[in-house]
Amino acid sequence: MPENGDYTWEDIGRAAYSMVVLSPVEDLTSKRQLQMALQFAGFNPTSSRLSFHWPQTRTRMQFNQFIEILETEPKPTDYGLLSSFEKLDPSNSGKA
């Protein structure tokens, strides 16, 4: 992730965006494409966050707008990931 200095959010965003559309020159054209791009970038957006970034009036999103979202959304952390798994397995038994 960008914290280690090897990659910027733009690098990660470009790779994630390119998994959904062919190049950063193309626009995202649906909320589902935005969700997929965010997931490829390591985020797991809630439906309310998706609706915030993709209101019903939106029809397109450019690459630079996607990068702005990556830079402003709370960053995924190891603690957050572990906390999510602990909710699925509160006894730490390894079974969901």
N, C-alpha and C. Protein backbone atom coordinates (compact mmCIF):
# COMPACT_ATOMS: atom_id res chain seq x y z
N MET A 1 0.84 -1.17 0.00
CA MET A 1 0.00 0.00 0.00
C MET A 1 0.89 1.24 0.00
N PRO A 2 0.32 2.39 -0.25
CA PRO A 2 1.12 3.60 -0.38
C PRO A 2 1.95 3.96 0.83
N GLU A 3 1.57 3.49 2.02
CA GLU A 3 2.30 3.87 3.22
C GLU A 3 3.76 3.43 3.18
N ASN A 4 4.06 2.37 2.43
CA ASN A 4 5.43 1.89 2.44
C ASN A 4 6.30 2.61 1.41
N GLY A 5 5.74 3.54 0.65
CA GLY A 5 6.52 4.34 -0.27
C GLY A 5 6.71 3.72 -1.64
N ASP A 6 6.33 2.46 -1.81
CA ASP A 6 6.53 1.82 -3.10
C ASP A 6 5.48 2.23 -4.13
N TYR A 7 4.26 2.45 -3.69
CA TYR A 7 3.15 2.76 -4.58
C TYR A 7 2.39 3.97 -4.08
N THR A 8 1.85 4.73 -5.00
CA THR A 8 0.96 5.84 -4.63
C THR A 8 -0.48 5.37 -4.81
N TRP A 9 -1.43 6.14 -4.28
CA TRP A 9 -2.82 5.79 -4.49
C TRP A 9 -3.17 5.87 -5.97
N GLU A 10 -2.46 6.73 -6.71
CA GLU A 10 -2.71 6.80 -8.15
C GLU A 10 -2.24 5.52 -8.84
N ASP A 11 -1.11 4.97 -8.41
CA ASP A 11 -0.63 3.69 -8.97
C ASP A 11 -1.64 2.58 -8.71
N ILE A 12 -2.08 2.49 -7.47
CA ILE A 12 -3.04 1.45 -7.09
C ILE A 12 -4.36 1.69 -7.82
N GLY A 13 -4.79 2.96 -7.88
CA GLY A 13 -6.02 3.30 -8.56
C GLY A 13 -5.98 2.99 -10.05
N ARG A 14 -4.85 3.25 -10.69
CA ARG A 14 -4.71 2.96 -12.12
C ARG A 14 -4.84 1.46 -12.38
N ALA A 15 -4.22 0.66 -11.55
CA ALA A 15 -4.31 -0.80 -11.71
C ALA A 15 -5.74 -1.27 -11.47
N ALA A 16 -6.38 -0.77 -10.41
CA ALA A 16 -7.75 -1.18 -10.09
C ALA A 16 -8.72 -0.73 -11.17
N TYR A 17 -8.58 0.51 -11.61
CA TYR A 17 -9.45 1.08 -12.64
C TYR A 17 -9.32 0.28 -13.94
N SER A 18 -8.09 -0.11 -14.26
CA SER A 18 -7.83 -0.87 -15.49
C SER A 18 -8.38 -2.29 -15.44
N MET A 19 -8.69 -2.78 -14.25
CA MET A 19 -9.32 -4.09 -14.14
C MET A 19 -10.79 -4.02 -14.54
N VAL A 20 -11.36 -2.81 -14.52
CA VAL A 20 -12.79 -2.63 -14.80
C VAL A 20 -13.02 -2.08 -16.21
N VAL A 21 -12.25 -1.10 -16.60
CA VAL A 21 -12.33 -0.55 -17.96
C VAL A 21 -10.94 -0.65 -18.58
N LEU A 22 -10.84 -0.55 -19.88
CA LEU A 22 -9.57 -0.81 -20.56
C LEU A 22 -8.46 0.17 -20.24
N SER A 23 -8.79 1.43 -20.01
CA SER A 23 -7.74 2.41 -19.74
C SER A 23 -8.31 3.58 -18.95
N PRO A 24 -7.44 4.37 -18.31
CA PRO A 24 -7.90 5.53 -17.55
C PRO A 24 -8.56 6.60 -18.42
N VAL A 25 -8.46 6.49 -19.74
CA VAL A 25 -9.11 7.44 -20.63
C VAL A 25 -10.62 7.19 -20.66
N GLU A 26 -11.03 5.94 -20.44
CA GLU A 26 -12.45 5.60 -20.42
C GLU A 26 -13.06 5.95 -19.06
N ASP A 27 -14.35 6.26 -19.06
CA ASP A 27 -15.07 6.56 -17.83
C ASP A 27 -15.73 5.31 -17.27
N LEU A 28 -15.87 5.30 -15.95
CA LEU A 28 -16.76 4.31 -15.34
C LEU A 28 -18.18 4.74 -15.67
N THR A 29 -19.05 3.78 -15.94
CA THR A 29 -20.41 4.14 -16.37
C THR A 29 -21.51 3.56 -15.48
N SER A 30 -21.13 2.96 -14.34
CA SER A 30 -22.17 2.44 -13.44
C SER A 30 -21.63 2.37 -12.02
N LYS A 31 -22.57 2.33 -11.09
CA LYS A 31 -22.21 2.18 -9.68
C LYS A 31 -21.49 0.85 -9.46
N ARG A 32 -21.92 -0.18 -10.19
CA ARG A 32 -21.29 -1.50 -10.07
C ARG A 32 -19.82 -1.45 -10.50
N GLN A 33 -19.52 -0.71 -11.57
CA GLN A 33 -18.13 -0.56 -11.99
C GLN A 33 -17.32 0.17 -10.92
N LEU A 34 -17.90 1.18 -10.31
CA LEU A 34 -17.21 1.88 -9.22
C LEU A 34 -16.94 0.93 -8.07
N GLN A 35 -17.93 0.15 -7.69
CA GLN A 35 -17.75 -0.80 -6.60
C GLN A 35 -16.63 -1.79 -6.92
N MET A 36 -16.62 -2.32 -8.12
CA MET A 36 -15.57 -3.27 -8.51
C MET A 36 -14.19 -2.62 -8.47
N ALA A 37 -14.07 -1.40 -8.99
CA ALA A 37 -12.78 -0.71 -8.99
C ALA A 37 -12.31 -0.44 -7.56
N LEU A 38 -13.22 -0.03 -6.69
CA LEU A 38 -12.84 0.20 -5.29
C LEU A 38 -12.40 -1.10 -4.63
N GLN A 39 -13.09 -2.18 -4.92
CA GLN A 39 -12.70 -3.47 -4.35
C GLN A 39 -11.34 -3.91 -4.86
N PHE A 40 -11.06 -3.71 -6.14
CA PHE A 40 -9.74 -4.05 -6.68
C PHE A 40 -8.65 -3.20 -6.03
N ALA A 41 -9.01 -1.99 -5.57
CA ALA A 41 -8.04 -1.11 -4.91
C ALA A 41 -7.89 -1.44 -3.42
N GLY A 42 -8.66 -2.42 -2.92
CA GLY A 42 -8.52 -2.84 -1.54
C GLY A 42 -9.57 -2.30 -0.60
N PHE A 43 -10.58 -1.63 -1.11
CA PHE A 43 -11.65 -1.08 -0.29
C PHE A 43 -12.87 -2.00 -0.35
N ASN A 44 -13.70 -1.91 0.68
CA ASN A 44 -14.95 -2.66 0.70
C ASN A 44 -16.06 -1.66 1.05
N PRO A 45 -16.50 -0.89 0.05
CA PRO A 45 -17.44 0.20 0.33
C PRO A 45 -18.83 -0.31 0.72
N THR A 46 -19.44 0.39 1.66
CA THR A 46 -20.82 0.08 2.02
C THR A 46 -21.73 0.65 0.93
N SER A 47 -22.97 0.20 0.94
CA SER A 47 -23.91 0.71 -0.06
C SER A 47 -24.14 2.21 0.12
N SER A 48 -24.09 2.69 1.36
CA SER A 48 -24.28 4.13 1.57
C SER A 48 -23.10 4.93 1.02
N ARG A 49 -21.88 4.41 1.16
CA ARG A 49 -20.71 5.11 0.60
C ARG A 49 -20.75 5.08 -0.93
N LEU A 50 -21.17 3.96 -1.49
CA LEU A 50 -21.31 3.88 -2.95
C LEU A 50 -22.33 4.89 -3.43
N SER A 51 -23.46 4.98 -2.75
CA SER A 51 -24.50 5.92 -3.14
C SER A 51 -24.04 7.37 -2.97
N PHE A 52 -23.20 7.62 -1.99
CA PHE A 52 -22.63 8.95 -1.80
C PHE A 52 -21.78 9.33 -3.01
N HIS A 53 -20.93 8.42 -3.45
CA HIS A 53 -20.03 8.69 -4.58
C HIS A 53 -20.72 8.53 -5.93
N TRP A 54 -21.80 7.76 -5.97
CA TRP A 54 -22.52 7.55 -7.23
C TRP A 54 -24.01 7.80 -6.99
N PRO A 55 -24.41 9.10 -6.90
CA PRO A 55 -25.84 9.40 -6.72
C PRO A 55 -26.63 9.00 -7.97
N GLN A 56 -27.93 8.95 -7.84
CA GLN A 56 -28.78 8.52 -8.95
C GLN A 56 -28.62 9.40 -10.18
N THR A 57 -28.19 10.63 -10.02
CA THR A 57 -28.03 11.53 -11.16
C THR A 57 -26.72 11.33 -11.91
N ARG A 58 -25.80 10.58 -11.34
CA ARG A 58 -24.50 10.39 -12.00
C ARG A 58 -24.62 9.35 -13.11
N THR A 59 -23.94 9.62 -14.22
CA THR A 59 -23.91 8.66 -15.33
C THR A 59 -22.50 8.25 -15.70
N ARG A 60 -21.50 9.02 -15.25
CA ARG A 60 -20.12 8.74 -15.61
C ARG A 60 -19.18 9.18 -14.47
N MET A 61 -18.02 8.56 -14.43
CA MET A 61 -16.98 8.99 -13.49
C MET A 61 -15.63 8.86 -14.19
N GLN A 62 -14.87 9.94 -14.17
CA GLN A 62 -13.56 9.95 -14.80
C GLN A 62 -12.51 9.40 -13.84
N PHE A 63 -11.37 9.02 -14.40
CA PHE A 63 -10.28 8.45 -13.62
C PHE A 63 -9.85 9.38 -12.48
N ASN A 64 -9.70 10.66 -12.77
CA ASN A 64 -9.24 11.59 -11.71
C ASN A 64 -10.25 11.68 -10.57
N GLN A 65 -11.54 11.54 -10.87
CA GLN A 65 -12.56 11.53 -9.81
C GLN A 65 -12.44 10.27 -8.97
N PHE A 66 -12.13 9.15 -9.60
CA PHE A 66 -11.92 7.90 -8.88
C PHE A 66 -10.72 8.02 -7.94
N ILE A 67 -9.65 8.62 -8.42
CA ILE A 67 -8.45 8.81 -7.58
C ILE A 67 -8.78 9.69 -6.38
N GLU A 68 -9.58 10.72 -6.57
CA GLU A 68 -9.99 11.58 -5.45
C GLU A 68 -10.72 10.77 -4.38
N ILE A 69 -11.54 9.82 -4.81
CA ILE A 69 -12.24 8.96 -3.85
C ILE A 69 -11.23 8.13 -3.07
N LEU A 70 -10.26 7.55 -3.76
CA LEU A 70 -9.24 6.74 -3.07
C LEU A 70 -8.48 7.57 -2.05
N GLU A 71 -8.23 8.82 -2.38
CA GLU A 71 -7.45 9.67 -1.48
C GLU A 71 -8.25 10.16 -0.28
N THR A 72 -9.59 10.16 -0.39
CA THR A 72 -10.40 10.70 0.71
C THR A 72 -11.09 9.63 1.55
N GLU A 73 -11.30 8.45 1.02
CA GLU A 73 -11.94 7.38 1.78
C GLU A 73 -11.01 6.89 2.89
N PRO A 74 -11.57 6.45 4.02
CA PRO A 74 -10.72 5.86 5.06
C PRO A 74 -9.96 4.67 4.48
N LYS A 75 -8.68 4.62 4.78
CA LYS A 75 -7.82 3.58 4.21
C LYS A 75 -8.02 2.25 4.91
N PRO A 76 -8.00 1.17 4.14
CA PRO A 76 -8.08 -0.16 4.77
C PRO A 76 -6.84 -0.39 5.64
N THR A 77 -7.05 -1.01 6.81
CA THR A 77 -5.94 -1.29 7.71
C THR A 77 -5.98 -2.75 8.13
N ASP A 78 -4.85 -3.23 8.61
CA ASP A 78 -4.81 -4.60 9.14
C ASP A 78 -5.78 -4.75 10.30
N TYR A 79 -5.83 -3.74 11.18
CA TYR A 79 -6.72 -3.79 12.34
C TYR A 79 -8.18 -3.89 11.88
N GLY A 80 -8.55 -3.09 10.88
CA GLY A 80 -9.92 -3.12 10.38
C GLY A 80 -10.28 -4.47 9.79
N LEU A 81 -9.34 -5.06 9.08
CA LEU A 81 -9.57 -6.38 8.49
C LEU A 81 -9.73 -7.43 9.58
N LEU A 82 -8.85 -7.40 10.56
CA LEU A 82 -8.94 -8.37 11.66
C LEU A 82 -10.23 -8.17 12.46
N SER A 83 -10.63 -6.93 12.68
CA SER A 83 -11.87 -6.67 13.40
C SER A 83 -13.07 -7.23 12.65
N SER A 84 -13.06 -7.12 11.34
CA SER A 84 -14.16 -7.66 10.54
C SER A 84 -14.22 -9.18 10.66
N PHE A 85 -13.07 -9.83 10.63
CA PHE A 85 -13.04 -11.28 10.76
C PHE A 85 -13.47 -11.72 12.16
N GLU A 86 -13.10 -10.94 13.18
CA GLU A 86 -13.50 -11.28 14.54
C GLU A 86 -15.02 -11.22 14.71
N LYS A 87 -15.70 -10.35 13.95
CA LYS A 87 -17.16 -10.31 14.00
C LYS A 87 -17.77 -11.58 13.44
N LEU A 88 -17.09 -12.17 12.45
CA LEU A 88 -17.57 -13.43 11.87
C LEU A 88 -17.22 -14.64 12.75
N ASP A 89 -16.14 -14.51 13.51
CA ASP A 89 -15.66 -15.61 14.34
C ASP A 89 -15.27 -15.08 15.72
N PRO A 90 -16.26 -14.69 16.55
CA PRO A 90 -15.95 -14.07 17.83
C PRO A 90 -15.15 -14.95 18.79
N SER A 91 -15.24 -16.26 18.65
CA SER A 91 -14.50 -17.14 19.56
C SER A 91 -13.10 -17.47 19.03
N ASN A 92 -12.74 -16.92 17.88
CA ASN A 92 -11.45 -17.18 17.24
C ASN A 92 -11.20 -18.69 17.05
N SER A 93 -12.26 -19.41 16.72
CA SER A 93 -12.14 -20.87 16.52
C SER A 93 -11.73 -21.24 15.11
N GLY A 94 -11.75 -20.27 14.20
CA GLY A 94 -11.42 -20.56 12.82
C GLY A 94 -12.62 -21.04 12.02
N LYS A 95 -13.79 -20.99 12.64
CA LYS A 95 -15.01 -21.41 11.95
C LYS A 95 -15.98 -20.23 11.88
N ALA A 96 -16.58 -20.07 10.73
CA ALA A 96 -17.54 -18.97 10.58
C ALA A 96 -18.94 -19.41 10.95
